[in-house]
Every structure is written in C-alpha cells, then in structure tokens.
Amino acid sequence: MATHNELGKIGEELAVNHIKELDYQIIETNWRYLKAEIDIIAIKDNWLVVIEVKTRTTDFFGTPEAFITTAKKRLLIKAADAYVQNNNIDLEVRFDVVGIIKNNHQTELKHIVNAFMAYE
C-alpha cells in the first residue's frame, strides 16, 4: 500500500476513535457512491453527520481541511443525498471535517463541526 494510503487509513482510524469518544453513533465507514466516498457517516443529536477526514504529515502547504476542494464538497453532498434517499433517513444532514496532522513528532486532530453547507 502506498505511504499516503497508509497515512489516510491511520487518519481515519484516529477520526473514528475521536468520533466515538464524542458519543457519535457510527453507521457507515468508507461508503461509496459513484465517484464519491464518504469517510464516516454517523448520527449525533438527531443529525446525520457526514464526516470527511483529511490527514497530512505537515501543515507546511496548508491545514489538512484546506485541501477539501469545491468539487470534493459537491461529491460529498451528492453522495449524502443518495445515502439519505436510499436509506429513507428523516434527519437533517450536516458536514463535519476532521483534519489530522500525523508524523513521527506529533498527532494533532481538529474536528470542525458543520464545516460547510450543502448549498455551497
């Protein structure tokens, strides 16, 4: 497995542990729809929470969450809509981001609740 794939997997594991500690109920991980993949789908306080995880070894070029492009947001929104429709979910949807910096010297996790809106 490529190093960046290994880093992404480690980041997703850290994010899942973090989300569980906050009493989110995880219902899916790595859920795919067409070209999109939702890293974590959870329920918290009557919200369906779609969580994108971004992991980097450094923030030299920007924070991990800064790497979520407009195109990626559109894909996540489309995938979330499909998930809601396919599963007849009657909850409001929000999009959180977990940005992680992980290297030999540090592990830093930043959870942004309601990071972007579905109409962006």
N, C-alpha and C. Protein backbone atom coordinates (compact mmCIF):
# COMPACT_ATOMS: atom_id res chain seq x y z
N MET A 1 0.85 -1.18 0.00
CA MET A 1 0.00 0.00 0.00
C MET A 1 0.90 1.24 0.00
N ALA A 2 0.54 2.24 -0.77
CA ALA A 2 1.32 3.46 -0.83
C ALA A 2 1.30 4.17 0.52
N THR A 3 2.37 4.91 0.78
CA THR A 3 2.51 5.59 2.06
C THR A 3 1.34 6.52 2.34
N HIS A 4 0.88 7.28 1.31
CA HIS A 4 -0.24 8.19 1.54
C HIS A 4 -1.53 7.43 1.85
N ASN A 5 -1.69 6.24 1.28
CA ASN A 5 -2.87 5.42 1.61
C ASN A 5 -2.80 4.93 3.06
N GLU A 6 -1.60 4.54 3.49
CA GLU A 6 -1.42 4.11 4.88
C GLU A 6 -1.71 5.26 5.83
N LEU A 7 -1.23 6.46 5.49
CA LEU A 7 -1.47 7.64 6.32
C LEU A 7 -2.96 7.94 6.39
N GLY A 8 -3.64 7.83 5.27
CA GLY A 8 -5.09 8.07 5.24
C GLY A 8 -5.83 7.07 6.10
N LYS A 9 -5.43 5.83 6.06
CA LYS A 9 -6.06 4.79 6.88
C LYS A 9 -5.84 5.06 8.37
N ILE A 10 -4.62 5.45 8.73
CA ILE A 10 -4.32 5.79 10.12
C ILE A 10 -5.18 6.98 10.55
N GLY A 11 -5.28 7.99 9.69
CA GLY A 11 -6.09 9.16 10.00
C GLY A 11 -7.55 8.81 10.21
N GLU A 12 -8.08 7.95 9.36
CA GLU A 12 -9.48 7.54 9.51
C GLU A 12 -9.71 6.78 10.82
N GLU A 13 -8.74 5.95 11.21
CA GLU A 13 -8.86 5.24 12.49
C GLU A 13 -8.85 6.22 13.66
N LEU A 14 -7.97 7.22 13.59
CA LEU A 14 -7.92 8.24 14.64
C LEU A 14 -9.24 9.01 14.70
N ALA A 15 -9.78 9.33 13.53
CA ALA A 15 -11.05 10.07 13.48
C ALA A 15 -12.20 9.24 14.03
N VAL A 16 -12.26 7.97 13.68
CA VAL A 16 -13.32 7.09 14.20
C VAL A 16 -13.24 7.03 15.73
N ASN A 17 -12.04 6.87 16.27
CA ASN A 17 -11.89 6.83 17.73
C ASN A 17 -12.33 8.14 18.36
N HIS A 18 -11.97 9.24 17.75
CA HIS A 18 -12.36 10.57 18.25
C HIS A 18 -13.88 10.73 18.23
N ILE A 19 -14.50 10.35 17.12
CA ILE A 19 -15.95 10.47 16.97
C ILE A 19 -16.67 9.61 18.01
N LYS A 20 -16.18 8.40 18.22
CA LYS A 20 -16.78 7.51 19.23
C LYS A 20 -16.68 8.12 20.63
N GLU A 21 -15.55 8.74 20.93
CA GLU A 21 -15.38 9.37 22.25
C GLU A 21 -16.40 10.49 22.48
N LEU A 22 -16.87 11.09 21.39
CA LEU A 22 -17.86 12.17 21.48
C LEU A 22 -19.30 11.64 21.41
N ASP A 23 -19.44 10.32 21.52
CA ASP A 23 -20.75 9.65 21.52
C ASP A 23 -21.53 9.77 20.21
N TYR A 24 -20.81 9.84 19.10
CA TYR A 24 -21.46 9.72 17.81
C TYR A 24 -21.73 8.24 17.59
N GLN A 25 -22.84 7.94 16.94
CA GLN A 25 -23.15 6.56 16.57
C GLN A 25 -22.72 6.37 15.12
N ILE A 26 -21.65 5.65 14.91
CA ILE A 26 -21.14 5.44 13.55
C ILE A 26 -21.99 4.38 12.88
N ILE A 27 -22.51 4.72 11.69
CA ILE A 27 -23.34 3.76 10.97
C ILE A 27 -22.70 3.26 9.68
N GLU A 28 -21.72 3.99 9.16
CA GLU A 28 -21.01 3.55 7.96
C GLU A 28 -19.60 4.15 7.98
N THR A 29 -18.67 3.42 7.39
CA THR A 29 -17.35 3.99 7.09
C THR A 29 -17.03 3.63 5.65
N ASN A 30 -16.34 4.52 4.99
CA ASN A 30 -15.91 4.34 3.60
C ASN A 30 -17.06 3.96 2.68
N TRP A 31 -18.17 4.68 2.80
CA TRP A 31 -19.35 4.42 1.99
C TRP A 31 -19.17 5.07 0.62
N ARG A 32 -19.40 4.31 -0.45
CA ARG A 32 -19.15 4.80 -1.81
C ARG A 32 -20.45 5.02 -2.58
N TYR A 33 -20.41 6.09 -3.37
CA TYR A 33 -21.49 6.39 -4.30
C TYR A 33 -20.85 7.02 -5.53
N LEU A 34 -20.96 6.34 -6.66
CA LEU A 34 -20.32 6.78 -7.90
C LEU A 34 -18.85 7.09 -7.64
N LYS A 35 -18.43 8.35 -7.87
CA LYS A 35 -17.03 8.72 -7.67
C LYS A 35 -16.72 9.18 -6.25
N ALA A 36 -17.72 9.25 -5.43
CA ALA A 36 -17.54 9.79 -4.08
C ALA A 36 -17.37 8.70 -3.05
N GLU A 37 -16.62 9.02 -2.01
CA GLU A 37 -16.52 8.15 -0.85
C GLU A 37 -16.71 9.02 0.38
N ILE A 38 -17.64 8.62 1.22
CA ILE A 38 -17.83 9.30 2.50
C ILE A 38 -17.04 8.51 3.53
N ASP A 39 -16.12 9.19 4.19
CA ASP A 39 -15.24 8.51 5.13
C ASP A 39 -16.01 7.94 6.32
N ILE A 40 -16.86 8.78 6.93
CA ILE A 40 -17.63 8.34 8.10
C ILE A 40 -19.04 8.92 8.00
N ILE A 41 -20.03 8.08 8.26
CA ILE A 41 -21.41 8.55 8.39
C ILE A 41 -21.84 8.17 9.81
N ALA A 42 -22.36 9.16 10.53
CA ALA A 42 -22.71 8.93 11.93
C ALA A 42 -23.99 9.68 12.27
N ILE A 43 -24.53 9.36 13.42
CA ILE A 43 -25.69 10.08 13.95
C ILE A 43 -25.28 10.68 15.29
N LYS A 44 -25.64 11.96 15.45
CA LYS A 44 -25.37 12.66 16.70
C LYS A 44 -26.45 13.71 16.91
N ASP A 45 -27.15 13.61 18.03
CA ASP A 45 -28.17 14.61 18.40
C ASP A 45 -29.18 14.85 17.28
N ASN A 46 -29.72 13.77 16.73
CA ASN A 46 -30.73 13.85 15.66
C ASN A 46 -30.23 14.48 14.37
N TRP A 47 -28.94 14.42 14.15
CA TRP A 47 -28.33 14.83 12.89
C TRP A 47 -27.69 13.63 12.23
N LEU A 48 -27.80 13.53 10.92
CA LEU A 48 -26.98 12.61 10.16
C LEU A 48 -25.71 13.40 9.83
N VAL A 49 -24.58 12.91 10.30
CA VAL A 49 -23.33 13.66 10.15
C VAL A 49 -22.43 12.94 9.14
N VAL A 50 -22.11 13.64 8.07
CA VAL A 50 -21.20 13.16 7.04
C VAL A 50 -19.84 13.76 7.38
N ILE A 51 -18.85 12.88 7.58
CA ILE A 51 -17.55 13.34 8.07
C ILE A 51 -16.47 13.02 7.04
N GLU A 52 -15.79 14.07 6.61
CA GLU A 52 -14.64 13.94 5.72
C GLU A 52 -13.38 14.02 6.57
N VAL A 53 -12.47 13.08 6.36
CA VAL A 53 -11.21 13.04 7.11
C VAL A 53 -10.07 13.38 6.16
N LYS A 54 -9.26 14.34 6.55
CA LYS A 54 -8.07 14.70 5.76
C LYS A 54 -6.87 14.58 6.66
N THR A 55 -5.88 13.81 6.24
CA THR A 55 -4.68 13.57 7.04
C THR A 55 -3.45 13.98 6.23
N ARG A 56 -2.57 14.70 6.87
CA ARG A 56 -1.32 15.13 6.26
C ARG A 56 -0.20 14.93 7.27
N THR A 57 1.04 14.93 6.81
CA THR A 57 2.18 14.82 7.71
C THR A 57 2.63 16.19 8.21
N THR A 58 2.22 17.24 7.53
CA THR A 58 2.62 18.59 7.89
C THR A 58 1.56 19.58 7.42
N ASP A 59 1.56 20.75 8.03
CA ASP A 59 0.67 21.81 7.54
C ASP A 59 1.46 22.88 6.78
N PHE A 60 2.65 22.52 6.31
CA PHE A 60 3.51 23.45 5.58
C PHE A 60 2.79 24.08 4.39
N PHE A 61 2.01 23.27 3.67
CA PHE A 61 1.29 23.78 2.49
C PHE A 61 -0.14 24.19 2.81
N GLY A 62 -0.54 24.09 4.05
CA GLY A 62 -1.89 24.43 4.48
C GLY A 62 -2.44 23.36 5.40
N THR A 63 -3.47 23.71 6.13
CA THR A 63 -4.08 22.75 7.04
C THR A 63 -4.74 21.63 6.25
N PRO A 64 -4.85 20.46 6.85
CA PRO A 64 -5.48 19.35 6.12
C PRO A 64 -6.87 19.70 5.58
N GLU A 65 -7.68 20.38 6.39
CA GLU A 65 -9.04 20.71 5.97
C GLU A 65 -9.07 21.68 4.79
N ALA A 66 -7.99 22.41 4.57
CA ALA A 66 -7.92 23.34 3.44
C ALA A 66 -7.86 22.61 2.10
N PHE A 67 -7.56 21.32 2.14
CA PHE A 67 -7.45 20.54 0.91
C PHE A 67 -8.79 19.98 0.43
N ILE A 68 -9.88 20.35 1.07
CA ILE A 68 -11.20 19.91 0.61
C ILE A 68 -11.68 20.92 -0.41
N THR A 69 -11.66 20.52 -1.65
CA THR A 69 -12.00 21.40 -2.76
C THR A 69 -13.51 21.56 -2.90
N THR A 70 -13.89 22.53 -3.69
CA THR A 70 -15.31 22.72 -4.01
C THR A 70 -15.86 21.49 -4.71
N ALA A 71 -15.08 20.90 -5.60
CA ALA A 71 -15.51 19.69 -6.30
C ALA A 71 -15.73 18.54 -5.32
N LYS A 72 -14.84 18.40 -4.33
CA LYS A 72 -14.99 17.36 -3.32
C LYS A 72 -16.25 17.59 -2.49
N LYS A 73 -16.52 18.84 -2.14
CA LYS A 73 -17.73 19.16 -1.39
C LYS A 73 -18.97 18.76 -2.19
N ARG A 74 -18.97 19.07 -3.48
CA ARG A 74 -20.11 18.70 -4.33
C ARG A 74 -20.32 17.20 -4.36
N LEU A 75 -19.22 16.44 -4.48
CA LEU A 75 -19.32 14.98 -4.48
C LEU A 75 -19.88 14.47 -3.15
N LEU A 76 -19.41 15.03 -2.05
CA LEU A 76 -19.90 14.62 -0.73
C LEU A 76 -21.39 14.93 -0.57
N ILE A 77 -21.80 16.08 -1.05
CA ILE A 77 -23.21 16.46 -0.96
C ILE A 77 -24.07 15.51 -1.78
N LYS A 78 -23.62 15.21 -2.98
CA LYS A 78 -24.36 14.28 -3.85
C LYS A 78 -24.44 12.89 -3.22
N ALA A 79 -23.33 12.43 -2.67
CA ALA A 79 -23.31 11.11 -2.03
C ALA A 79 -24.21 11.09 -0.79
N ALA A 80 -24.16 12.15 0.00
CA ALA A 80 -25.01 12.22 1.19
C ALA A 80 -26.48 12.20 0.81
N ASP A 81 -26.83 12.91 -0.23
CA ASP A 81 -28.22 12.92 -0.71
C ASP A 81 -28.65 11.51 -1.12
N ALA A 82 -27.78 10.81 -1.84
CA ALA A 82 -28.09 9.44 -2.25
C ALA A 82 -28.24 8.53 -1.03
N TYR A 83 -27.37 8.71 -0.05
CA TYR A 83 -27.44 7.88 1.15
C TYR A 83 -28.77 8.09 1.88
N VAL A 84 -29.16 9.36 2.03
CA VAL A 84 -30.42 9.69 2.70
C VAL A 84 -31.60 9.08 1.95
N GLN A 85 -31.61 9.22 0.64
CA GLN A 85 -32.72 8.69 -0.16
C GLN A 85 -32.74 7.17 -0.15
N ASN A 86 -31.59 6.54 -0.32
CA ASN A 86 -31.52 5.08 -0.37
C ASN A 86 -31.90 4.42 0.95
N ASN A 87 -31.71 5.14 2.04
CA ASN A 87 -31.96 4.58 3.36
C ASN A 87 -33.16 5.20 4.07
N ASN A 88 -33.94 5.99 3.33
CA ASN A 88 -35.14 6.64 3.89
C ASN A 88 -34.87 7.29 5.24
N ILE A 89 -33.84 8.08 5.29
CA ILE A 89 -33.45 8.74 6.53
C ILE A 89 -34.18 10.07 6.64
N ASP A 90 -34.75 10.30 7.81
CA ASP A 90 -35.51 11.52 8.06
C ASP A 90 -34.79 12.36 9.13
N LEU A 91 -33.57 12.74 8.83
CA LEU A 91 -32.77 13.57 9.72
C LEU A 91 -32.15 14.70 8.91
N GLU A 92 -31.89 15.80 9.57
CA GLU A 92 -31.13 16.86 8.93
C GLU A 92 -29.70 16.36 8.75
N VAL A 93 -29.03 16.84 7.71
CA VAL A 93 -27.67 16.42 7.40
C VAL A 93 -26.72 17.58 7.65
N ARG A 94 -25.60 17.25 8.26
CA ARG A 94 -24.54 18.25 8.38
C ARG A 94 -23.22 17.61 7.97
N PHE A 95 -22.28 18.46 7.61
CA PHE A 95 -20.98 18.01 7.12
C PHE A 95 -19.89 18.48 8.07
N ASP A 96 -19.23 17.53 8.71
CA ASP A 96 -18.10 17.82 9.59
C ASP A 96 -16.81 17.44 8.87
N VAL A 97 -15.72 18.04 9.30
CA VAL A 97 -14.41 17.71 8.78
C VAL A 97 -13.49 17.42 9.97
N VAL A 98 -12.72 16.35 9.84
CA VAL A 98 -11.68 16.06 10.82
C VAL A 98 -10.34 16.17 10.08
N GLY A 99 -9.57 17.17 10.47
CA GLY A 99 -8.24 17.38 9.89
C GLY A 99 -7.19 16.85 10.86
N ILE A 100 -6.27 16.06 10.34
CA ILE A 100 -5.26 15.43 11.19
C ILE A 100 -3.87 15.68 10.62
N ILE A 101 -2.98 16.06 11.51
CA ILE A 101 -1.55 16.10 11.17
C ILE A 101 -0.90 15.00 11.98
N LYS A 102 -0.29 14.06 11.27
CA LYS A 102 0.30 12.89 11.91
C LYS A 102 1.68 12.65 11.32
N ASN A 103 2.69 12.70 12.19
CA ASN A 103 4.04 12.36 11.78
C ASN A 103 4.78 11.77 12.98
N ASN A 104 6.07 11.58 12.88
CA ASN A 104 6.83 10.96 13.97
C ASN A 104 6.88 11.81 15.24
N HIS A 105 6.60 13.10 15.11
CA HIS A 105 6.74 14.02 16.23
C HIS A 105 5.42 14.47 16.84
N GLN A 106 4.35 14.33 16.10
CA GLN A 106 3.08 14.85 16.62
C GLN A 106 1.89 14.15 15.99
N THR A 107 0.80 14.19 16.73
CA THR A 107 -0.51 13.82 16.21
C THR A 107 -1.45 14.92 16.66
N GLU A 108 -1.96 15.64 15.71
CA GLU A 108 -2.86 16.76 16.01
C GLU A 108 -4.17 16.55 15.26
N LEU A 109 -5.28 16.63 15.96
CA LEU A 109 -6.59 16.40 15.37
C LEU A 109 -7.46 17.63 15.60
N LYS A 110 -8.10 18.08 14.53
CA LYS A 110 -9.01 19.23 14.60
C LYS A 110 -10.35 18.80 14.01
N HIS A 111 -11.41 18.87 14.82
CA HIS A 111 -12.75 18.49 14.39
C HIS A 111 -13.56 19.76 14.15
N ILE A 112 -13.96 19.97 12.92
CA ILE A 112 -14.76 21.14 12.58
C ILE A 112 -16.20 20.68 12.38
N VAL A 113 -17.06 21.08 13.30
CA VAL A 113 -18.48 20.74 13.24
C VAL A 113 -19.17 21.69 12.26
N ASN A 114 -20.03 21.11 11.40
CA ASN A 114 -20.76 21.92 10.42
C ASN A 114 -19.80 22.74 9.57
N ALA A 115 -18.83 22.07 9.00
CA ALA A 115 -17.72 22.71 8.27
C ALA A 115 -18.18 23.43 7.00
N PHE A 116 -19.20 22.89 6.33
CA PHE A 116 -19.73 23.54 5.14
C PHE A 116 -21.17 23.17 4.96
N MET A 117 -21.85 23.95 4.14
CA MET A 117 -23.29 23.76 3.93
C MET A 117 -23.53 23.02 2.61
N ALA A 118 -24.66 22.37 2.53
CA ALA A 118 -25.00 21.58 1.34
C ALA A 118 -25.21 22.45 0.11
N TYR A 119 -25.46 23.71 0.26
CA TYR A 119 -25.73 24.58 -0.87
C TYR A 119 -24.53 25.39 -1.31
N GLU A 120 -23.36 25.09 -0.76
CA GLU A 120 -22.14 25.82 -1.16
C GLU A 120 -21.75 25.49 -2.57
